[in-house]
Each structure stands twice: as structure tokens, then as C-alpha cells.
Amino acid sequence: MLLVDETVEIPVQVNGKVRTRIQVPAGADADALEAAARADDKVAALLEGTTVRKVIAVPGRLINFVVG
């Protein structure tokens, strides 16, 4: 019998630097990753007052906010 994780830990990057990690369901899609990352207090503080130029979300791997 194989064990399957129900949640995975995803690194959240801002301009390519890991700022925090979030827990999301294992099958979360790109939109769910972005919503969970934006809901995190640390990420919200980093994105406040900036323009998010691009969001790169790789389900099961990472999410990166490109700000400028």
C-alpha cells in the first residue's frame, strides 16, 4: 500500500527569493496556490504597495511572484 500525502509544503518566492512556505492540498491547482500564497500574512506584507507583474505557479512545486 502506498502512502499519499494529503498536503504538501510549497515554497513562496518573491522575485526569485524564497520568503516563506505554505501548506496546500496535494492536488491544488495554480489558482489555489496563488490564493493560498496571497492569504499568507508574510506574503501579503511583501506584496503590499507593489505591482505584481507576473505570477509563476507550478502545482506541487512552487509559486513565484514577480513584482516591480
Protein backbone atom coordinates (compact mmCIF):
# COMPACT_ATOMS: atom_id res chain seq x y z
CA MET A 1 0.00 0.00 0.00
CA LEU A 2 1.35 3.41 -0.96
CA LEU A 3 1.13 6.40 1.30
CA VAL A 4 -0.11 9.63 -0.24
CA ASP A 5 0.36 12.99 1.43
CA GLU A 6 -2.84 14.99 1.77
CA THR A 7 -0.95 18.30 1.99
CA VAL A 8 2.34 19.48 0.57
CA GLU A 9 4.66 22.29 1.59
CA ILE A 10 5.19 24.80 -1.23
CA PRO A 11 7.90 27.49 -1.19
CA VAL A 12 6.68 31.00 -1.96
CA GLN A 13 9.14 33.23 -3.80
CA VAL A 14 9.08 36.97 -4.38
CA ASN A 15 11.39 37.98 -7.24
CA GLY A 16 13.05 34.57 -7.13
CA LYS A 17 13.92 34.55 -3.41
CA VAL A 18 12.16 32.13 -1.07
CA ARG A 19 10.30 34.21 1.51
CA THR A 20 8.11 31.59 3.20
CA ARG A 21 6.49 28.19 2.78
CA ILE A 22 2.78 27.35 2.79
CA GLN A 23 0.79 24.16 3.28
CA VAL A 24 -1.69 23.39 0.50
CA PRO A 25 -3.72 20.31 -0.50
CA ALA A 26 -1.71 17.91 -2.65
CA GLY A 27 -3.94 18.36 -5.71
CA ALA A 28 -4.09 22.17 -5.60
CA ASP A 29 -4.03 23.89 -8.98
CA ALA A 30 -2.26 27.15 -9.89
CA ASP A 31 -5.20 29.35 -8.86
CA ALA A 32 -5.45 27.66 -5.45
CA LEU A 33 -1.69 28.11 -4.93
CA GLU A 34 -1.92 31.81 -5.70
CA ALA A 35 -4.90 32.31 -3.40
CA ALA A 36 -3.22 30.47 -0.53
CA ALA A 37 0.02 32.41 -1.00
CA ARG A 38 -1.74 35.78 -1.11
CA ALA A 39 -3.63 34.85 2.09
CA ASP A 40 -0.35 34.35 3.97
CA ASP A 41 0.45 37.36 6.21
CA LYS A 42 4.15 37.48 5.30
CA VAL A 43 3.48 37.36 1.56
CA ALA A 44 0.70 39.94 1.83
CA ALA A 45 3.10 42.31 3.58
CA LEU A 46 5.75 41.82 0.88
CA LEU A 47 3.27 42.40 -1.96
CA GLU A 48 1.62 45.43 -0.36
CA GLY A 49 2.26 48.59 -2.34
CA THR A 50 3.92 46.77 -5.24
CA THR A 51 2.75 45.86 -8.72
CA VAL A 52 2.66 42.11 -9.33
CA ARG A 53 3.88 41.82 -12.91
CA LYS A 54 3.73 38.04 -13.23
CA VAL A 55 2.74 35.01 -11.17
CA ILE A 56 4.53 31.76 -11.90
CA ALA A 57 2.76 28.84 -10.25
CA VAL A 58 3.94 25.27 -10.70
CA PRO A 59 1.44 22.97 -8.94
CA GLY A 60 3.17 20.69 -6.46
CA ARG A 61 6.43 22.65 -6.73
CA LEU A 62 6.47 26.41 -6.09
CA ILE A 63 4.87 29.79 -6.62
CA ASN A 64 6.81 32.91 -7.60
CA PHE A 65 5.57 36.50 -7.64
CA VAL A 66 7.48 38.85 -9.94
CA VAL A 67 7.00 42.38 -8.60
CA GLY A 68 8.28 45.70 -9.76
